[in-house]
Amino acid sequence: MEENTVQTVKRSFVGIVTSDKMDKSIVVTITTKKMDRLYKKYVTRSKKYMAHDEQNDAHIGDTVRIVECRPLSKNKCWRLAEVIERAK
């Protein structure tokens, strides 16, 4: 018998931690550059995501990678995958 297993591709982003004041939670700001359709100029867009940080490992200014996961609370459906670079 063969089981039907669905393997999903989880999204991941690299961003900067902007808040670590909560217990086991961080706020990560993701910035992207997008072309404006009318003026044909690149505009910087930023969005904030709440992510789960089990060991309270990340701190403000760290560059981190977050990956998608099941909903953990009302606002959290991302978790910390790794700390890429520590803040100085």
PDB file of N, CA and C in Angstrom:
ATOM      1  N   MET A   1       0.836  -1.180   0.000  1.00  0.00           N
ATOM      2  CA  MET A   1       0.000   0.000   0.000  1.00  0.00           C
ATOM      3  C   MET A   1       0.880   1.242   0.000  1.00  0.00           C
ATOM      4  N   GLU A   2       0.446   2.208  -0.752  1.00  0.00           N
ATOM      5  CA  GLU A   2       1.196   3.447  -0.871  1.00  0.00           C
ATOM      6  C   GLU A   2       0.391   4.570  -0.238  1.00  0.00           C
ATOM      7  N   GLU A   3       1.020   5.285   0.677  1.00  0.00           N
ATOM      8  CA  GLU A   3       0.339   6.396   1.332  1.00  0.00           C
ATOM      9  C   GLU A   3       0.470   7.652   0.492  1.00  0.00           C
ATOM     10  N   ASN A   4      -0.568   8.445   0.512  1.00  0.00           N
ATOM     11  CA  ASN A   4      -0.518   9.724  -0.197  1.00  0.00           C
ATOM     12  C   ASN A   4       0.081  10.777   0.721  1.00  0.00           C
ATOM     13  N   THR A   5       1.344  11.075   0.492  1.00  0.00           N
ATOM     14  CA  THR A   5       2.010  12.107   1.274  1.00  0.00           C
ATOM     15  C   THR A   5       2.225  13.313   0.383  1.00  0.00           C
ATOM     16  N   VAL A   6       1.765  14.434   0.859  1.00  0.00           N
ATOM     17  CA  VAL A   6       1.903  15.673   0.102  1.00  0.00           C
ATOM     18  C   VAL A   6       3.058  16.448   0.697  1.00  0.00           C
ATOM     19  N   GLN A   7       4.047  16.741  -0.127  1.00  0.00           N
ATOM     20  CA  GLN A   7       5.196  17.503   0.329  1.00  0.00           C
ATOM     21  C   GLN A   7       5.048  18.932  -0.183  1.00  0.00           C
ATOM     22  N   THR A   8       4.950  19.871   0.756  1.00  0.00           N
ATOM     23  CA  THR A   8       4.762  21.267   0.377  1.00  0.00           C
ATOM     24  C   THR A   8       6.089  22.003   0.451  1.00  0.00           C
ATOM     25  N   VAL A   9       6.221  22.988  -0.385  1.00  0.00           N
ATOM     26  CA  VAL A   9       7.400  23.835  -0.368  1.00  0.00           C
ATOM     27  C   VAL A   9       7.107  24.998   0.566  1.00  0.00           C
ATOM     28  N   LYS A  10       7.882  25.102   1.644  1.00  0.00           N
ATOM     29  CA  LYS A  10       7.650  26.146   2.618  1.00  0.00           C
ATOM     30  C   LYS A  10       8.397  27.407   2.209  1.00  0.00           C
ATOM     31  N   ARG A  11       7.694  28.525   2.309  1.00  0.00           N
ATOM     32  CA  ARG A  11       8.322  29.802   1.978  1.00  0.00           C
ATOM     33  C   ARG A  11       9.317  30.182   3.066  1.00  0.00           C
ATOM     34  N   SER A  12      10.362  30.888   2.674  1.00  0.00           N
ATOM     35  CA  SER A  12      11.325  31.385   3.656  1.00  0.00           C
ATOM     36  C   SER A  12      11.770  32.780   3.242  1.00  0.00           C
ATOM     37  N   PHE A  13      12.043  33.604   4.243  1.00  0.00           N
ATOM     38  CA  PHE A  13      12.489  34.972   4.022  1.00  0.00           C
ATOM     39  C   PHE A  13      13.718  35.244   4.866  1.00  0.00           C
ATOM     40  N   VAL A  14      14.521  36.192   4.412  1.00  0.00           N
ATOM     41  CA  VAL A  14      15.654  36.675   5.197  1.00  0.00           C
ATOM     42  C   VAL A  14      15.358  38.120   5.546  1.00  0.00           C
ATOM     43  N   GLY A  15      15.465  38.454   6.838  1.00  0.00           N
ATOM     44  CA  GLY A  15      15.153  39.806   7.276  1.00  0.00           C
ATOM     45  C   GLY A  15      15.910  40.163   8.542  1.00  0.00           C
ATOM     46  N   ILE A  16      15.585  41.335   9.083  1.00  0.00           N
ATOM     47  CA  ILE A  16      16.269  41.865  10.258  1.00  0.00           C
ATOM     48  C   ILE A  16      15.292  41.901  11.421  1.00  0.00           C
ATOM     49  N   VAL A  17      15.751  41.465  12.590  1.00  0.00           N
ATOM     50  CA  VAL A  17      14.907  41.457  13.786  1.00  0.00           C
ATOM     51  C   VAL A  17      14.738  42.894  14.266  1.00  0.00           C
ATOM     52  N   THR A  18      13.477  43.330  14.415  1.00  0.00           N
ATOM     53  CA  THR A  18      13.206  44.683  14.883  1.00  0.00           C
ATOM     54  C   THR A  18      12.673  44.708  16.309  1.00  0.00           C
ATOM     55  N   SER A  19      12.242  43.569  16.837  1.00  0.00           N
ATOM     56  CA  SER A  19      11.783  43.507  18.225  1.00  0.00           C
ATOM     57  C   SER A  19      11.972  42.097  18.766  1.00  0.00           C
ATOM     58  N   ASP A  20      12.481  42.026  20.000  1.00  0.00           N
ATOM     59  CA  ASP A  20      12.621  40.732  20.678  1.00  0.00           C
ATOM     60  C   ASP A  20      12.139  40.823  22.119  1.00  0.00           C
ATOM     61  N   LYS A  21      11.230  41.747  22.388  1.00  0.00           N
ATOM     62  CA  LYS A  21      10.783  41.998  23.758  1.00  0.00           C
ATOM     63  C   LYS A  21       9.828  40.937  24.282  1.00  0.00           C
ATOM     64  N   MET A  22       9.213  40.174  23.393  1.00  0.00           N
ATOM     65  CA  MET A  22       8.267  39.145  23.821  1.00  0.00           C
ATOM     66  C   MET A  22       9.008  37.847  24.146  1.00  0.00           C
ATOM     67  N   ASP A  23       8.366  36.992  24.921  1.00  0.00           N
ATOM     68  CA  ASP A  23       8.957  35.700  25.246  1.00  0.00           C
ATOM     69  C   ASP A  23       8.682  34.725  24.103  1.00  0.00           C
ATOM     70  N   LYS A  24       9.752  34.153  23.553  1.00  0.00           N
ATOM     71  CA  LYS A  24       9.690  33.179  22.460  1.00  0.00           C
ATOM     72  C   LYS A  24       9.072  33.736  21.181  1.00  0.00           C
ATOM     73  N   SER A  25       9.115  35.049  20.983  1.00  0.00           N
ATOM     74  CA  SER A  25       8.593  35.666  19.764  1.00  0.00           C
ATOM     75  C   SER A  25       9.515  36.799  19.335  1.00  0.00           C
ATOM     76  N   ILE A  26       9.634  36.971  18.023  1.00  0.00           N
ATOM     77  CA  ILE A  26      10.397  38.090  17.471  1.00  0.00           C
ATOM     78  C   ILE A  26       9.585  38.708  16.342  1.00  0.00           C
ATOM     79  N   VAL A  27       9.889  39.961  16.046  1.00  0.00           N
ATOM     80  CA  VAL A  27       9.301  40.635  14.895  1.00  0.00           C
ATOM     81  C   VAL A  27      10.422  40.835  13.884  1.00  0.00           C
ATOM     82  N   VAL A  28      10.205  40.338  12.662  1.00  0.00           N
ATOM     83  CA  VAL A  28      11.216  40.400  11.609  1.00  0.00           C
ATOM     84  C   VAL A  28      10.693  41.294  10.495  1.00  0.00           C
ATOM     85  N   THR A  29      11.520  42.257  10.075  1.00  0.00           N
ATOM     86  CA  THR A  29      11.153  43.145   8.981  1.00  0.00           C
ATOM     87  C   THR A  29      11.827  42.656   7.701  1.00  0.00           C
ATOM     88  N   ILE A  30      10.997  42.416   6.680  1.00  0.00           N
ATOM     89  CA  ILE A  30      11.478  41.968   5.378  1.00  0.00           C
ATOM     90  C   ILE A  30      11.360  43.147   4.417  1.00  0.00           C
ATOM     91  N   THR A  31      12.456  43.504   3.768  1.00  0.00           N
ATOM     92  CA  THR A  31      12.416  44.597   2.792  1.00  0.00           C
ATOM     93  C   THR A  31      12.650  44.045   1.397  1.00  0.00           C
ATOM     94  N   THR A  32      11.840  44.492   0.454  1.00  0.00           N
ATOM     95  CA  THR A  32      11.978  44.089  -0.938  1.00  0.00           C
ATOM     96  C   THR A  32      11.937  45.328  -1.817  1.00  0.00           C
ATOM     97  N   LYS A  33      12.549  45.227  -2.981  1.00  0.00           N
ATOM     98  CA  LYS A  33      12.494  46.308  -3.958  1.00  0.00           C
ATOM     99  C   LYS A  33      11.547  45.890  -5.064  1.00  0.00           C
ATOM    100  N   LYS A  34      10.620  46.785  -5.387  1.00  0.00           N
ATOM    101  CA  LYS A  34       9.620  46.482  -6.402  1.00  0.00           C
ATOM    102  C   LYS A  34       9.563  47.622  -7.400  1.00  0.00           C
ATOM    103  N   MET A  35       9.404  47.269  -8.665  1.00  0.00           N
ATOM    104  CA  MET A  35       9.335  48.269  -9.720  1.00  0.00           C
ATOM    105  C   MET A  35       7.960  48.940  -9.718  1.00  0.00           C
ATOM    106  N   ASP A  36       7.948  50.283  -9.684  1.00  0.00           N
ATOM    107  CA  ASP A  36       6.693  51.026  -9.787  1.00  0.00           C
ATOM    108  C   ASP A  36       6.240  51.000 -11.242  1.00  0.00           C
ATOM    109  N   ARG A  37       4.966  50.615 -11.452  1.00  0.00           N
ATOM    110  CA  ARG A  37       4.493  50.434 -12.822  1.00  0.00           C
ATOM    111  C   ARG A  37       4.392  51.753 -13.585  1.00  0.00           C
ATOM    112  N   LEU A  38       4.022  52.820 -12.909  1.00  0.00           N
ATOM    113  CA  LEU A  38       3.830  54.098 -13.589  1.00  0.00           C
ATOM    114  C   LEU A  38       5.157  54.812 -13.839  1.00  0.00           C
ATOM    115  N   TYR A  39       5.983  54.926 -12.802  1.00  0.00           N
ATOM    116  CA  TYR A  39       7.202  55.731 -12.893  1.00  0.00           C
ATOM    117  C   TYR A  39       8.449  54.934 -13.245  1.00  0.00           C
ATOM    118  N   LYS A  40       8.329  53.606 -13.306  1.00  0.00           N
ATOM    119  CA  LYS A  40       9.453  52.736 -13.679  1.00  0.00           C
ATOM    120  C   LYS A  40      10.672  52.943 -12.771  1.00  0.00           C
ATOM    121  N   LYS A  41      10.402  53.158 -11.500  1.00  0.00           N
ATOM    122  CA  LYS A  41      11.471  53.291 -10.517  1.00  0.00           C
ATOM    123  C   LYS A  41      11.309  52.195  -9.477  1.00  0.00           C
ATOM    124  N   TYR A  42      12.421  51.795  -8.869  1.00  0.00           N
ATOM    125  CA  TYR A  42      12.350  50.801  -7.804  1.00  0.00           C
ATOM    126  C   TYR A  42      11.971  51.488  -6.494  1.00  0.00           C
ATOM    127  N   VAL A  43      10.968  50.924  -5.834  1.00  0.00           N
ATOM    128  CA  VAL A  43      10.489  51.438  -4.563  1.00  0.00           C
ATOM    129  C   VAL A  43      10.726  50.359  -3.512  1.00  0.00           C
ATOM    130  N   THR A  44      11.225  50.757  -2.343  1.00  0.00           N
ATOM    131  CA  THR A  44      11.478  49.807  -1.266  1.00  0.00           C
ATOM    132  C   THR A  44      10.201  49.589  -0.475  1.00  0.00           C
ATOM    133  N   ARG A  45       9.802  48.335  -0.363  1.00  0.00           N
ATOM    134  CA  ARG A  45       8.632  47.953   0.415  1.00  0.00           C
ATOM    135  C   ARG A  45       9.126  47.134   1.613  1.00  0.00           C
ATOM    136  N   SER A  46       8.489  47.317   2.757  1.00  0.00           N
ATOM    137  CA  SER A  46       8.856  46.518   3.929  1.00  0.00           C
ATOM    138  C   SER A  46       7.600  45.983   4.581  1.00  0.00           C
ATOM    139  N   LYS A  47       7.731  44.805   5.170  1.00  0.00           N
ATOM    140  CA  LYS A  47       6.620  44.146   5.831  1.00  0.00           C
ATOM    141  C   LYS A  47       7.150  43.462   7.084  1.00  0.00           C
ATOM    142  N   LYS A  48       6.336  43.465   8.134  1.00  0.00           N
ATOM    143  CA  LYS A  48       6.747  42.864   9.401  1.00  0.00           C
ATOM    144  C   LYS A  48       6.041  41.531   9.600  1.00  0.00           C
ATOM    145  N   TYR A  49       6.792  40.546  10.065  1.00  0.00           N
ATOM    146  CA  TYR A  49       6.254  39.222  10.365  1.00  0.00           C
ATOM    147  C   TYR A  49       6.609  38.871  11.806  1.00  0.00           C
ATOM    148  N   MET A  50       5.659  38.278  12.515  1.00  0.00           N
ATOM    149  CA  MET A  50       5.957  37.738  13.841  1.00  0.00           C
ATOM    150  C   MET A  50       6.414  36.294  13.660  1.00  0.00           C
ATOM    151  N   ALA A  51       7.490  35.939  14.335  1.00  0.00           N
ATOM    152  CA  ALA A  51       8.041  34.594  14.201  1.00  0.00           C
ATOM    153  C   ALA A  51       8.290  33.996  15.575  1.00  0.00           C
ATOM    154  N   HIS A  52       8.225  32.671  15.629  1.00  0.00           N
ATOM    155  CA  HIS A  52       8.439  31.926  16.868  1.00  0.00           C
ATOM    156  C   HIS A  52       9.931  31.666  17.060  1.00  0.00           C
ATOM    157  N   ASP A  53      10.445  32.029  18.222  1.00  0.00           N
ATOM    158  CA  ASP A  53      11.861  31.843  18.564  1.00  0.00           C
ATOM    159  C   ASP A  53      11.914  31.049  19.866  1.00  0.00           C
ATOM    160  N   GLU A  54      12.012  29.740  19.752  1.00  0.00           N
ATOM    161  CA  GLU A  54      11.876  28.841  20.912  1.00  0.00           C
ATOM    162  C   GLU A  54      12.912  29.098  21.993  1.00  0.00           C
ATOM    163  N   GLN A  55      14.179  29.322  21.626  1.00  0.00           N
ATOM    164  CA  GLN A  55      15.238  29.496  22.620  1.00  0.00           C
ATOM    165  C   GLN A  55      15.556  30.958  22.929  1.00  0.00           C
ATOM    166  N   ASN A  56      14.752  31.891  22.437  1.00  0.00           N
ATOM    167  CA  ASN A  56      15.044  33.322  22.584  1.00  0.00           C
ATOM    168  C   ASN A  56      16.471  33.619  22.120  1.00  0.00           C
ATOM    169  N   ASP A  57      16.800  33.115  20.940  1.00  0.00           N
ATOM    170  CA  ASP A  57      18.162  33.164  20.408  1.00  0.00           C
ATOM    171  C   ASP A  57      18.452  34.466  19.669  1.00  0.00           C
ATOM    172  N   ALA A  58      17.472  35.018  18.974  1.00  0.00           N
ATOM    173  CA  ALA A  58      17.696  36.207  18.140  1.00  0.00           C
ATOM    174  C   ALA A  58      17.471  37.480  18.952  1.00  0.00           C
ATOM    175  N   HIS A  59      18.225  38.517  18.595  1.00  0.00           N
ATOM    176  CA  HIS A  59      18.117  39.817  19.257  1.00  0.00           C
ATOM    177  C   HIS A  59      18.001  40.916  18.204  1.00  0.00           C
ATOM    178  N   ILE A  60      17.677  42.124  18.650  1.00  0.00           N
ATOM    179  CA  ILE A  60      17.458  43.246  17.735  1.00  0.00           C
ATOM    180  C   ILE A  60      18.703  43.471  16.876  1.00  0.00           C
ATOM    181  N   GLY A  61      18.496  43.612  15.570  1.00  0.00           N
ATOM    182  CA  GLY A  61      19.587  43.875  14.637  1.00  0.00           C
ATOM    183  C   GLY A  61      20.152  42.639  13.973  1.00  0.00           C
ATOM    184  N   ASP A  62      19.808  41.449  14.457  1.00  0.00           N
ATOM    185  CA  ASP A  62      20.312  40.210  13.855  1.00  0.00           C
ATOM    186  C   ASP A  62      19.651  39.977  12.501  1.00  0.00           C
ATOM    187  N   THR A  63      20.409  39.420  11.565  1.00  0.00           N
ATOM    188  CA  THR A  63      19.860  38.984  10.292  1.00  0.00           C
ATOM    189  C   THR A  63      19.479  37.514  10.434  1.00  0.00           C
ATOM    190  N   VAL A  64      18.198  37.199  10.160  1.00  0.00           N
ATOM    191  CA  VAL A  64      17.690  35.850  10.411  1.00  0.00           C
ATOM    192  C   VAL A  64      16.937  35.327   9.196  1.00  0.00           C
ATOM    193  N   ARG A  65      16.774  33.993   9.158  1.00  0.00           N
ATOM    194  CA  ARG A  65      15.932  33.353   8.156  1.00  0.00           C
ATOM    195  C   ARG A  65      14.720  32.781   8.881  1.00  0.00           C
ATOM    196  N   ILE A  66      13.520  33.098   8.366  1.00  0.00           N
ATOM    197  CA  ILE A  66      12.295  32.554   8.937  1.00  0.00           C
ATOM    198  C   ILE A  66      11.619  31.685   7.889  1.00  0.00           C
ATOM    199  N   VAL A  67      10.965  30.611   8.345  1.00  0.00           N
ATOM    200  CA  VAL A  67      10.255  29.701   7.446  1.00  0.00           C
ATOM    201  C   VAL A  67       8.808  29.586   7.889  1.00  0.00           C
ATOM    202  N   GLU A  68       7.959  29.268   6.939  1.00  0.00           N
ATOM    203  CA  GLU A  68       6.533  29.137   7.187  1.00  0.00           C
ATOM    204  C   GLU A  68       6.260  27.871   7.996  1.00  0.00           C
ATOM    205  N   CYS A  69       5.265  27.935   8.872  1.00  0.00           N
ATOM    206  CA  CYS A  69       4.864  26.758   9.639  1.00  0.00           C
ATOM    207  C   CYS A  69       3.372  26.847   9.916  1.00  0.00           C
ATOM    208  N   ARG A  70       2.857  25.904  10.669  1.00  0.00           N
ATOM    209  CA  ARG A  70       1.443  25.929  11.006  1.00  0.00           C
ATOM    210  C   ARG A  70       1.166  27.135  11.904  1.00  0.00           C
ATOM    211  N   PRO A  71      -0.081  27.610  11.973  1.00  0.00           N
ATOM    212  CA  PRO A  71      -0.376  28.747  12.847  1.00  0.00           C
ATOM    213  C   PRO A  71      -0.116  28.401  14.317  1.00  0.00           C
ATOM    214  N   LEU A  72       0.704  29.219  14.962  1.00  0.00           N
ATOM    215  CA  LEU A  72       1.046  28.999  16.361  1.00  0.00           C
ATOM    216  C   LEU A  72       0.225  29.884  17.294  1.00  0.00           C
ATOM    217  N   SER A  73      -0.260  30.990  16.771  1.00  0.00           N
ATOM    218  CA  SER A  73      -1.133  31.884  17.529  1.00  0.00           C
ATOM    219  C   SER A  73      -1.885  32.739  16.514  1.00  0.00           C
ATOM    220  N   LYS A  74      -2.543  33.776  16.992  1.00  0.00           N
ATOM    221  CA  LYS A  74      -3.312  34.637  16.091  1.00  0.00           C
ATOM    222  C   LYS A  74      -2.409  35.298  15.047  1.00  0.00           C
ATOM    223  N   ASN A  75      -1.225  35.709  15.446  1.00  0.00           N
ATOM    224  CA  ASN A  75      -0.336  36.453  14.550  1.00  0.00           C
ATOM    225  C   ASN A  75       0.880  35.673  14.073  1.00  0.00           C
ATOM    226  N   LYS A  76       1.192  34.547  14.683  1.00  0.00           N
ATOM    227  CA  LYS A  76       2.423  33.829  14.358  1.00  0.00           C
ATOM    228  C   LYS A  76       2.154  32.595  13.508  1.00  0.00           C
ATOM    229  N   CYS A  77       2.690  32.597  12.285  1.00  0.00           N
ATOM    230  CA  CYS A  77       2.688  31.385  11.458  1.00  0.00           C
ATOM    231  C   CYS A  77       4.051  31.242  10.773  1.00  0.00           C
ATOM    232  N   TRP A  78       5.091  31.792  11.400  1.00  0.00           N
ATOM    233  CA  TRP A  78       6.472  31.695  10.942  1.00  0.00           C
ATOM    234  C   TRP A  78       7.315  31.267  12.134  1.00  0.00           C
ATOM    235  N   ARG A  79       8.434  30.605  11.853  1.00  0.00           N
ATOM    236  CA  ARG A  79       9.354  30.251  12.926  1.00  0.00           C
ATOM    237  C   ARG A  79      10.782  30.558  12.498  1.00  0.00           C
ATOM    238  N   LEU A  80      11.626  30.785  13.480  1.00  0.00           N
ATOM    239  CA  LEU A  80      13.021  31.100  13.233  1.00  0.00           C
ATOM    240  C   LEU A  80      13.746  29.840  12.768  1.00  0.00           C
ATOM    241  N   ALA A  81      14.387  29.915  11.594  1.00  0.00           N
ATOM    242  CA  ALA A  81      15.146  28.770  11.098  1.00  0.00           C
ATOM    243  C   ALA A  81      16.607  28.874  11.506  1.00  0.00           C
ATOM    244  N   GLU A  82      17.207  30.062  11.327  1.00  0.00           N
ATOM    245  CA  GLU A  82      18.614  30.234  11.693  1.00  0.00           C
ATOM    246  C   GLU A  82      18.941  31.716  11.843  1.00  0.00           C
ATOM    247  N   VAL A  83      19.961  31.986  12.634  1.00  0.00           N
ATOM    248  CA  VAL A  83      20.489  33.337  12.741  1.00  0.00           C
ATOM    249  C   VAL A  83      21.666  33.397  11.780  1.00  0.00           C
ATOM    250  N   ILE A  84      21.544  34.223  10.753  1.00  0.00           N
ATOM    251  CA  ILE A  84      22.577  34.290   9.718  1.00  0.00           C
ATOM    252  C   ILE A  84      23.749  35.142  10.198  1.00  0.00           C
ATOM    253  N   GLU A  85      23.431  36.318  10.743  1.00  0.00           N
ATOM    254  CA  GLU A  85      24.495  37.226  11.190  1.00  0.00           C
ATOM    255  C   GLU A  85      24.050  37.932  12.452  1.00  0.00           C
ATOM    256  N   ARG A  86      24.942  37.987  13.433  1.00  0.00           N
ATOM    257  CA  ARG A  86      24.650  38.662  14.700  1.00  0.00           C
ATOM    258  C   ARG A  86      24.871  40.168  14.545  1.00  0.00           C
ATOM    259  N   ALA A  87      24.101  40.948  15.293  1.00  0.00           N
ATOM    260  CA  ALA A  87      24.293  42.403  15.294  1.00  0.00           C
ATOM    261  C   ALA A  87      25.567  42.737  16.049  1.00  0.00           C
ATOM    262  N   LYS A  88      26.188  43.815  15.637  1.00  0.00           N
ATOM    263  CA  LYS A  88      27.445  44.201  16.284  1.00  0.00           C
ATOM    264  C   LYS A  88      27.205  45.095  17.457  1.00  0.00           C
TER     265      LYS A  88
END
